[in-house]
N, C-alpha and C. Protein backbone atom coordinates (compact mmCIF):
# COMPACT_ATOMS: atom_id res chain seq x y z
N MET A 1 1.12 -1.02 -0.04
CA MET A 1 0.08 -0.33 0.15
C MET A 1 0.93 1.20 0.01
N GLY A 2 1.07 2.05 -1.02
CA GLY A 2 0.98 3.33 -0.83
C GLY A 2 0.91 4.44 -0.54
N TRP A 3 1.52 5.72 -0.23
CA TRP A 3 0.64 6.61 0.41
C TRP A 3 0.69 8.46 -0.64
N GLY A 4 -0.50 8.66 -0.94
CA GLY A 4 0.22 9.97 -2.20
C GLY A 4 -0.05 9.49 -3.22
N VAL A 5 -0.24 10.81 -3.94
CA VAL A 5 -0.25 10.24 -5.45
C VAL A 5 1.11 9.04 -5.95
N PRO A 6 0.45 8.82 -7.04
CA PRO A 6 1.32 7.50 -7.25
C PRO A 6 2.51 8.15 -7.87
N GLN A 7 3.70 7.68 -7.57
CA GLN A 7 4.76 7.92 -7.59
C GLN A 7 5.56 8.51 -6.70
N SER A 8 4.44 8.96 -6.30
CA SER A 8 5.25 10.37 -5.19
C SER A 8 5.93 10.16 -3.72
N ALA A 9 5.44 8.65 -3.51
CA ALA A 9 5.27 8.30 -1.71
C ALA A 9 6.37 8.36 -1.72
N ALA A 10 7.40 8.93 -0.70
CA ALA A 10 8.68 8.63 0.21
C ALA A 10 8.88 7.24 0.42
N TRP A 11 7.93 6.46 0.82
CA TRP A 11 8.07 5.44 1.25
C TRP A 11 6.74 4.28 1.09
N THR A 12 6.75 3.16 1.58
CA THR A 12 5.73 2.35 0.98
C THR A 12 5.33 1.48 2.28
N ARG A 13 4.30 0.71 2.49
CA ARG A 13 4.35 -0.26 3.94
C ARG A 13 3.78 -1.44 2.81
N ARG A 14 5.00 -2.48 3.25
CA ARG A 14 4.79 -3.80 2.84
C ARG A 14 4.67 -4.56 4.20
N GLY A 15 3.65 -5.39 4.09
CA GLY A 15 3.67 -6.14 5.95
C GLY A 15 3.53 -5.07 7.21
N GLY A 16 3.45 -3.89 7.48
CA GLY A 16 3.32 -3.35 8.41
C GLY A 16 4.51 -2.79 8.21
N GLN A 17 5.48 -2.96 7.70
CA GLN A 17 7.01 -2.28 7.88
C GLN A 17 7.19 -1.17 6.80
N GLN A 18 7.69 -0.09 6.92
CA GLN A 18 8.12 1.10 6.46
C GLN A 18 9.67 0.49 5.36
N VAL A 19 8.90 0.45 3.86
CA VAL A 19 10.52 0.31 2.74
C VAL A 19 10.67 1.02 2.15
N ALA A 20 12.13 1.96 2.08
CA ALA A 20 12.71 2.81 1.39
C ALA A 20 12.28 2.19 -0.03
N PRO A 21 12.36 3.09 -0.97
CA PRO A 21 12.92 3.15 -1.95
C PRO A 21 13.66 2.93 -2.77
N SER A 22 13.79 1.96 -3.94
CA SER A 22 15.10 1.50 -4.21
C SER A 22 15.50 2.92 -5.09
N PRO A 23 16.42 3.17 -5.13
CA PRO A 23 17.02 3.90 -5.94
C PRO A 23 17.39 3.83 -7.75
N THR A 24 16.88 2.81 -8.15
CA THR A 24 16.64 2.49 -9.56
C THR A 24 15.53 3.67 -10.72
N VAL A 25 14.93 4.10 -9.86
CA VAL A 25 14.30 5.60 -10.64
C VAL A 25 14.37 6.75 -10.49
N GLY A 26 14.37 7.45 -10.94
CA GLY A 26 14.54 8.57 -10.35
C GLY A 26 15.58 9.80 -10.60
N ALA A 27 15.87 10.30 -9.69
CA ALA A 27 17.52 11.06 -9.92
C ALA A 27 18.75 10.55 -10.37
N THR A 28 19.52 11.28 -10.89
CA THR A 28 20.60 10.68 -11.53
C THR A 28 21.81 11.62 -11.09
N VAL A 29 22.76 11.46 -11.20
CA VAL A 29 24.31 12.34 -10.98
C VAL A 29 23.49 13.90 -11.56
N GLY A 30 23.57 14.77 -10.87
CA GLY A 30 23.52 15.83 -11.81
C GLY A 30 22.63 16.43 -11.17
N ASP A 31 21.72 15.96 -10.96
CA ASP A 31 20.33 16.25 -10.26
C ASP A 31 20.18 16.83 -8.83
N THR A 32 19.44 17.78 -8.82
CA THR A 32 19.00 18.45 -7.18
C THR A 32 17.71 18.14 -6.60
N LEU A 33 17.96 17.51 -5.22
CA LEU A 33 16.78 17.03 -4.63
C LEU A 33 16.06 17.99 -3.39
N SER A 34 15.08 18.16 -3.03
CA SER A 34 15.02 18.85 -1.68
C SER A 34 14.62 18.25 -0.69
N SER A 35 14.74 18.70 0.74
CA SER A 35 14.42 17.79 1.81
C SER A 35 14.47 18.68 2.97
N VAL A 36 14.25 18.28 4.47
CA VAL A 36 14.13 19.19 5.62
C VAL A 36 15.02 18.10 6.28
N GLY A 37 15.71 18.51 7.19
CA GLY A 37 16.90 18.34 7.93
C GLY A 37 15.97 18.20 9.67
N ALA A 38 16.36 17.30 10.01
CA ALA A 38 15.87 16.76 11.72
C ALA A 38 15.93 17.61 12.26
N ALA A 39 15.75 19.18 12.14
CA ALA A 39 15.25 20.43 12.96
C ALA A 39 14.41 21.20 11.93
N GLY A 40 13.77 20.64 10.75
CA GLY A 40 12.88 21.18 9.93
C GLY A 40 13.41 21.93 9.19
N GLU A 41 14.88 22.28 8.68
CA GLU A 41 15.41 23.05 7.99
C GLU A 41 15.40 22.77 6.61
N ARG A 42 15.19 23.56 5.72
CA ARG A 42 14.93 23.35 4.34
C ARG A 42 16.27 22.95 3.73
N VAL A 43 16.86 22.40 2.95
CA VAL A 43 18.35 21.74 1.86
C VAL A 43 17.87 21.66 0.92
N SER A 44 18.61 21.73 -0.29
CA SER A 44 18.72 20.95 -1.62
C SER A 44 19.96 20.85 -1.62
N ILE A 45 20.27 18.99 -1.95
CA ILE A 45 21.77 18.42 -2.24
C ILE A 45 21.61 18.09 -3.72
N THR A 46 22.79 18.69 -4.30
CA THR A 46 22.93 17.88 -5.74
C THR A 46 24.27 17.34 -5.75
N LEU A 47 23.89 16.07 -6.06
CA LEU A 47 24.62 14.85 -6.43
C LEU A 47 25.54 15.35 -7.95
N VAL A 48 26.67 15.90 -7.22
CA VAL A 48 27.64 16.39 -8.51
C VAL A 48 28.66 14.79 -9.13
N GLU A 49 28.94 14.50 -8.35
CA GLU A 49 29.90 13.27 -9.64
C GLU A 49 30.11 11.96 -8.27
N VAL A 50 30.03 10.31 -9.07
CA VAL A 50 30.75 9.80 -8.09
C VAL A 50 31.78 8.87 -8.67
N VAL A 51 32.62 9.02 -7.94
CA VAL A 51 34.32 8.10 -8.51
C VAL A 51 34.43 6.74 -7.87
N ASP A 52 34.40 5.75 -8.59
CA ASP A 52 34.51 4.26 -8.52
C ASP A 52 35.24 3.19 -9.46
N THR A 53 36.13 3.53 -9.25
CA THR A 53 37.17 3.21 -7.94
C THR A 53 37.82 4.37 -7.46
N ALA A 54 37.98 4.60 -6.21
CA ALA A 54 38.65 6.14 -6.04
C ALA A 54 40.29 5.89 -5.64
N ASP A 55 40.79 4.58 -5.66
CA ASP A 55 41.54 3.82 -5.05
C ASP A 55 42.87 4.39 -5.33
N ALA A 56 42.98 5.35 -6.73
CA ALA A 56 44.17 6.09 -7.15
C ALA A 56 44.16 7.13 -6.18
N LEU A 57 43.04 7.52 -5.80
CA LEU A 57 42.87 9.25 -4.82
C LEU A 57 43.37 8.59 -3.21
N ILE A 58 43.23 7.33 -2.96
CA ILE A 58 43.54 7.21 -2.11
C ILE A 58 44.65 6.69 -1.42
N ALA A 59 45.32 6.04 -2.48
CA ALA A 59 47.08 5.44 -2.57
C ALA A 59 48.04 6.87 -2.37
N ALA A 60 47.25 8.32 -3.50
CA ALA A 60 47.97 9.22 -3.48
C ALA A 60 47.96 10.21 -2.07
N ALA A 61 47.09 10.07 -1.41
CA ALA A 61 46.91 10.68 -0.23
C ALA A 61 47.56 10.15 1.11
N GLY A 62 47.94 8.62 0.70
CA GLY A 62 48.98 8.14 1.74
C GLY A 62 48.27 7.11 2.63
N HIS A 63 46.76 7.03 2.29
CA HIS A 63 45.79 6.35 2.92
C HIS A 63 45.80 4.27 2.53
N GLN A 64 46.23 3.55 3.29
CA GLN A 64 45.69 2.37 2.66
C GLN A 64 44.82 1.81 2.92
N LEU A 65 43.50 0.84 2.40
CA LEU A 65 42.44 0.31 2.31
C LEU A 65 42.76 -1.07 3.13
N LEU A 66 41.63 -1.66 3.22
CA LEU A 66 41.41 -2.99 3.95
C LEU A 66 41.78 -4.03 3.06
N PRO A 67 42.63 -4.95 2.77
CA PRO A 67 42.67 -5.91 2.05
C PRO A 67 41.06 -6.63 1.38
N GLY A 68 41.01 -6.56 -0.13
CA GLY A 68 39.97 -6.97 -0.42
C GLY A 68 38.81 -5.55 -0.56
N ASN A 69 39.43 -4.33 -0.01
CA ASN A 69 38.27 -3.24 -0.41
C ASN A 69 38.43 -2.55 -1.00
N ARG A 70 37.42 -1.68 -1.86
CA ARG A 70 38.06 -0.64 -2.43
C ARG A 70 37.27 0.87 -2.00
N ALA A 71 37.70 2.00 -2.39
CA ALA A 71 36.97 3.51 -1.86
C ALA A 71 36.51 4.05 -3.20
N THR A 72 35.15 4.78 -2.91
CA THR A 72 34.28 5.80 -3.77
C THR A 72 34.56 6.61 -2.77
N VAL A 73 34.31 7.80 -3.94
CA VAL A 73 34.16 8.81 -3.29
C VAL A 73 32.79 9.56 -3.98
N VAL A 74 32.60 10.84 -3.09
CA VAL A 74 30.91 10.86 -3.81
C VAL A 74 31.25 11.84 -3.48
N HIS A 75 30.84 13.66 -4.67
CA HIS A 75 30.97 15.20 -4.73
C HIS A 75 29.50 15.37 -4.14
N THR A 76 29.20 16.21 -2.73
CA THR A 76 27.72 16.13 -3.21
C THR A 76 27.21 18.24 -2.81
N GLU A 77 26.79 18.57 -3.11
CA GLU A 77 26.69 20.30 -2.42
C GLU A 77 25.29 20.45 -2.02
N VAL A 78 25.45 21.00 -0.86
CA VAL A 78 23.92 21.08 -0.24
C VAL A 78 24.36 22.91 -0.01
N ALA A 79 22.60 22.98 -0.50
CA ALA A 79 22.50 24.81 -0.22
C ALA A 79 21.60 24.43 1.20
N ALA A 80 21.44 25.53 1.64
CA ALA A 80 20.60 25.24 2.76
C ALA A 80 19.26 26.97 2.12
N GLU A 81 18.53 27.01 3.12
CA GLU A 81 17.48 28.17 2.96
C GLU A 81 17.92 28.34 4.51
N ALA A 82 16.54 29.80 4.52
CA ALA A 82 16.59 31.08 5.81
C ALA A 82 17.74 30.17 6.98
N ALA A 83 17.40 28.94 7.51
CA ALA A 83 17.78 28.67 9.14
C ALA A 83 18.97 28.14 8.99
N GLY A 84 19.63 27.79 7.60
CA GLY A 84 20.65 27.46 7.97
C GLY A 84 20.77 26.15 7.66
N TYR A 85 21.54 25.29 8.19
CA TYR A 85 22.26 23.75 8.11
C TYR A 85 23.14 23.55 9.65
N PRO A 86 22.75 23.15 10.77
CA PRO A 86 23.83 22.95 11.75
C PRO A 86 24.84 21.60 11.23
N ALA A 87 24.22 20.59 10.82
CA ALA A 87 25.07 19.67 11.15
C ALA A 87 26.23 19.77 9.65
N ILE A 88 27.02 18.63 9.74
CA ILE A 88 27.83 17.99 8.80
C ILE A 88 27.09 17.24 7.63
N PRO A 89 26.49 17.41 6.20
CA PRO A 89 25.59 17.49 5.88
C PRO A 89 26.00 15.94 5.23
N ASP A 90 27.10 15.22 5.57
CA ASP A 90 27.72 13.99 4.84
C ASP A 90 27.11 13.19 6.12
N THR A 91 26.73 13.23 7.01
CA THR A 91 26.72 12.10 7.89
C THR A 91 25.55 11.59 7.72
N CYS A 92 24.71 12.08 6.77
CA CYS A 92 23.46 11.36 6.54
C CYS A 92 23.45 10.74 5.02
N LEU A 93 24.41 10.72 4.33
CA LEU A 93 25.00 10.38 3.11
C LEU A 93 25.27 9.01 3.23
N THR A 94 24.51 7.93 2.35
CA THR A 94 25.37 6.27 2.14
C THR A 94 25.08 6.12 0.64
N VAL A 95 25.75 4.95 0.62
CA VAL A 95 26.03 4.17 -0.79
C VAL A 95 25.14 3.53 -0.77
N VAL A 96 24.47 3.04 -1.26
CA VAL A 96 22.79 1.69 -1.55
C VAL A 96 24.04 0.97 -2.46
N LEU A 97 24.02 -0.82 -1.87
CA LEU A 97 24.45 -1.50 -3.02
C LEU A 97 23.47 -2.43 -3.30
N SER A 98 23.78 -3.23 -4.50
CA SER A 98 22.65 -4.04 -5.09
C SER A 98 22.14 -5.23 -4.20
N ASP A 99 22.28 -5.24 -2.91
CA ASP A 99 21.84 -6.45 -2.56
C ASP A 99 20.95 -5.28 -0.98
N GLY A 100 20.77 -4.49 -1.20
CA GLY A 100 19.57 -3.10 -0.40
C GLY A 100 20.54 -2.32 0.45
N THR A 101 21.88 -3.24 0.80
CA THR A 101 23.08 -2.82 2.10
C THR A 101 23.01 -1.28 1.59
N GLU A 102 23.17 -0.40 2.86
CA GLU A 102 23.39 0.98 2.68
C GLU A 102 24.89 0.64 3.67
N VAL A 103 25.82 1.53 3.05
CA VAL A 103 27.32 1.68 3.28
C VAL A 103 27.30 3.16 3.77
N GLY A 104 27.94 3.45 5.10
CA GLY A 104 28.13 5.05 5.39
C GLY A 104 29.32 5.38 5.51
N LYS A 105 29.53 6.38 5.43
CA LYS A 105 31.20 7.39 5.21
C LYS A 105 32.25 6.64 5.96
N SER A 106 33.34 6.26 5.36
CA SER A 106 34.65 6.06 5.77
C SER A 106 34.92 7.02 6.95
N GLY A 107 36.08 6.83 7.50
CA GLY A 107 36.35 7.89 8.35
C GLY A 107 37.59 8.61 7.46
N ILE A 108 38.36 8.39 6.17
CA ILE A 108 39.40 8.75 5.62
C ILE A 108 38.68 10.17 4.72
N THR A 109 39.55 11.28 5.16
CA THR A 109 39.56 12.47 4.39
C THR A 109 40.58 12.47 3.16
N LEU A 110 40.27 13.60 2.23
CA LEU A 110 41.46 13.71 1.23
C LEU A 110 41.59 15.29 1.05
N SER A 111 43.05 15.10 0.75
CA SER A 111 42.94 16.86 0.82
C SER A 111 43.07 17.46 -0.51
N SER A 112 42.81 16.66 -1.35
CA SER A 112 42.41 17.18 -2.58
C SER A 112 41.21 17.16 -3.26
N ARG A 113 40.59 16.25 -2.42
CA ARG A 113 38.85 16.55 -2.32
C ARG A 113 38.48 16.68 -1.30
N PRO A 114 38.23 18.49 -0.34
CA PRO A 114 38.09 18.33 0.84
C PRO A 114 36.77 18.29 0.97
N PRO A 115 36.78 17.04 2.48
CA PRO A 115 34.81 17.19 3.25
C PRO A 115 34.03 18.27 3.34
N PHE A 116 33.36 18.15 3.93
CA PHE A 116 32.04 19.16 4.03
C PHE A 116 32.84 19.28 5.61
N ARG A 117 32.69 20.58 6.27
CA ARG A 117 32.95 21.42 7.83
C ARG A 117 31.16 21.20 8.04
N SER A 118 31.42 21.90 9.12
CA SER A 118 30.10 21.59 10.10
C SER A 118 29.40 22.73 9.72
N GLY A 119 28.11 22.93 9.45
CA GLY A 119 27.33 23.67 9.16
C GLY A 119 27.13 24.59 8.17
N ILE A 120 26.13 25.09 7.86
CA ILE A 120 26.31 25.75 6.36
C ILE A 120 25.34 27.40 6.90
N ALA A 121 25.75 28.20 6.53
CA ALA A 121 24.97 29.32 6.85
C ALA A 121 23.74 29.80 5.99
N PRO A 122 22.93 30.59 6.56
CA PRO A 122 21.68 30.81 5.82
C PRO A 122 21.77 31.12 4.77
N PHE A 123 21.10 30.53 3.61
CA PHE A 123 21.27 30.99 1.98
C PHE A 123 22.49 30.73 1.33
N ASP A 124 23.44 29.37 1.92
CA ASP A 124 24.91 29.34 1.59
C ASP A 124 24.56 28.10 0.84
N THR A 125 25.73 27.73 -0.08
CA THR A 125 25.79 26.57 -1.04
C THR A 125 27.37 26.25 -0.09
N ILE A 126 27.73 24.45 0.04
CA ILE A 126 28.94 24.18 0.35
C ILE A 126 29.23 22.96 -0.33
N GLY A 127 30.16 22.81 -0.91
CA GLY A 127 30.21 21.45 -1.29
C GLY A 127 31.51 20.79 -0.72
N GLY A 128 31.40 19.14 -0.74
CA GLY A 128 32.27 18.49 -0.10
C GLY A 128 32.26 17.00 -0.76
N HIS A 129 33.22 16.50 -0.56
CA HIS A 129 33.77 14.85 -0.92
C HIS A 129 33.50 13.97 0.11
N THR A 130 32.74 12.71 0.09
CA THR A 130 32.63 11.69 1.27
C THR A 130 33.28 10.52 0.43
N VAL A 131 33.96 10.13 0.91
CA VAL A 131 34.92 8.73 1.01
C VAL A 131 34.15 7.56 1.95
N PHE A 132 33.66 6.46 0.84
CA PHE A 132 32.93 5.17 1.09
C PHE A 132 34.14 4.46 0.85
N GLU A 133 34.29 3.17 2.20
CA GLU A 133 35.37 1.86 1.80
C GLU A 133 34.37 0.62 1.51
N LEU A 134 33.94 0.09 0.53
CA LEU A 134 33.30 -0.87 0.42
C LEU A 134 34.19 -2.38 -0.09
N ASP A 135 33.25 -3.22 0.03
CA ASP A 135 34.07 -4.75 -0.56
C ASP A 135 34.60 -4.21 -1.63
N SER A 136 35.41 -4.84 -2.49
CA SER A 136 35.74 -4.76 -4.21
C SER A 136 34.69 -5.21 -4.90
N GLN A 137 34.08 -6.20 -4.31
CA GLN A 137 32.89 -6.97 -5.41
C GLN A 137 31.62 -6.41 -5.40
N ALA A 138 31.86 -5.56 -4.39
CA ALA A 138 30.31 -4.88 -3.99
C ALA A 138 29.73 -3.80 -5.63
N SER A 139 28.40 -4.04 -5.34
CA SER A 139 27.99 -3.24 -6.85
C SER A 139 26.78 -1.95 -6.45
N ILE A 140 27.29 -0.72 -6.72
CA ILE A 140 26.53 0.45 -6.11
C ILE A 140 25.35 0.48 -7.23
N ILE A 141 24.45 1.01 -6.74
CA ILE A 141 23.32 1.14 -7.49
C ILE A 141 22.44 2.64 -7.31
N GLY A 142 23.02 2.99 -5.78
CA GLY A 142 22.81 4.47 -5.62
C GLY A 142 23.19 4.75 -4.37
N ILE A 143 22.81 6.70 -4.53
CA ILE A 143 23.42 7.43 -3.15
C ILE A 143 22.07 7.64 -2.59
N ARG A 144 22.35 7.61 -1.12
CA ARG A 144 20.76 7.60 -0.21
C ARG A 144 21.28 8.89 0.57
N TRP A 145 20.20 10.30 1.09
CA TRP A 145 20.55 10.78 2.26
C TRP A 145 19.47 10.87 2.27
N ARG A 146 19.62 10.79 4.18
CA ARG A 146 18.23 11.62 5.00
C ARG A 146 18.51 11.78 6.00
N ALA A 147 17.63 12.76 5.96
CA ALA A 147 18.04 13.47 7.57
C ALA A 147 18.37 12.45 9.18
N THR A 148 16.85 11.83 8.86
CA THR A 148 16.96 11.24 10.10
C THR A 148 16.64 9.33 9.66
N GLN A 149 16.57 8.57 10.32
CA GLN A 149 16.32 6.69 9.99
C GLN A 149 14.87 7.07 9.45
N SER A 150 13.87 8.44 10.16
CA SER A 150 12.43 8.19 10.07
C SER A 150 12.47 9.02 9.20
N SER A 151 12.76 9.94 8.50
CA SER A 151 12.55 10.27 7.73
C SER A 151 12.86 10.21 6.22
N ALA A 152 12.04 10.60 5.03
CA ALA A 152 11.87 10.21 3.60
C ALA A 152 13.59 10.53 2.66
N ALA A 153 13.86 9.76 2.23
CA ALA A 153 15.07 9.64 1.93
C ALA A 153 15.01 10.13 0.41
N LEU A 154 16.23 10.60 0.10
CA LEU A 154 16.14 10.90 -1.33
C LEU A 154 17.32 10.06 -1.94
N ASP A 155 17.16 9.84 -2.80
CA ASP A 155 17.81 8.90 -3.35
C ASP A 155 18.26 9.37 -5.16
N TRP A 156 19.10 8.94 -5.46
CA TRP A 156 20.20 9.13 -7.18
C TRP A 156 20.36 7.83 -7.30
N ARG A 157 20.32 6.82 -8.33
CA ARG A 157 20.57 6.27 -9.18
C ARG A 157 21.90 6.30 -9.90
N THR A 158 22.53 5.51 -9.97
CA THR A 158 24.60 6.08 -10.54
C THR A 158 24.47 4.67 -11.64
N ARG A 159 23.15 3.61 -11.85
CA ARG A 159 23.44 3.12 -13.11
C ARG A 159 21.87 2.84 -13.19
């Protein structure tokens, strides 16, 4: 059972559980989607670029990945409206794998591709790069952002 106009529901219910939509339709790299942060602040997020694999960038920065893993770098831009955005924007960002697993950001940062800083001033836009460490055999199907676990997800498909 879905809620709202067809193709507009942020999630549906199956068997009484909330099921997030699969990022196989809809937005893609270059598209901007809008959402509301955890405290009600409005933001717009643009998926600028997905670099997969980014192992060469990691090696050039002097980092090492775990054996059997690869790195992916996601570049996003976040625009805040009147209230600004107090959090680090990519805390809510995940990579969605073909099996439905969501992988959060790693602790790796790159000086050549700067990470987000904390907070966005009202009516400002900032960009940042988020590094993900994935199993080398994992297949990425999308990028997802959501302010909280219970809020609607923004999904971009990558293939």
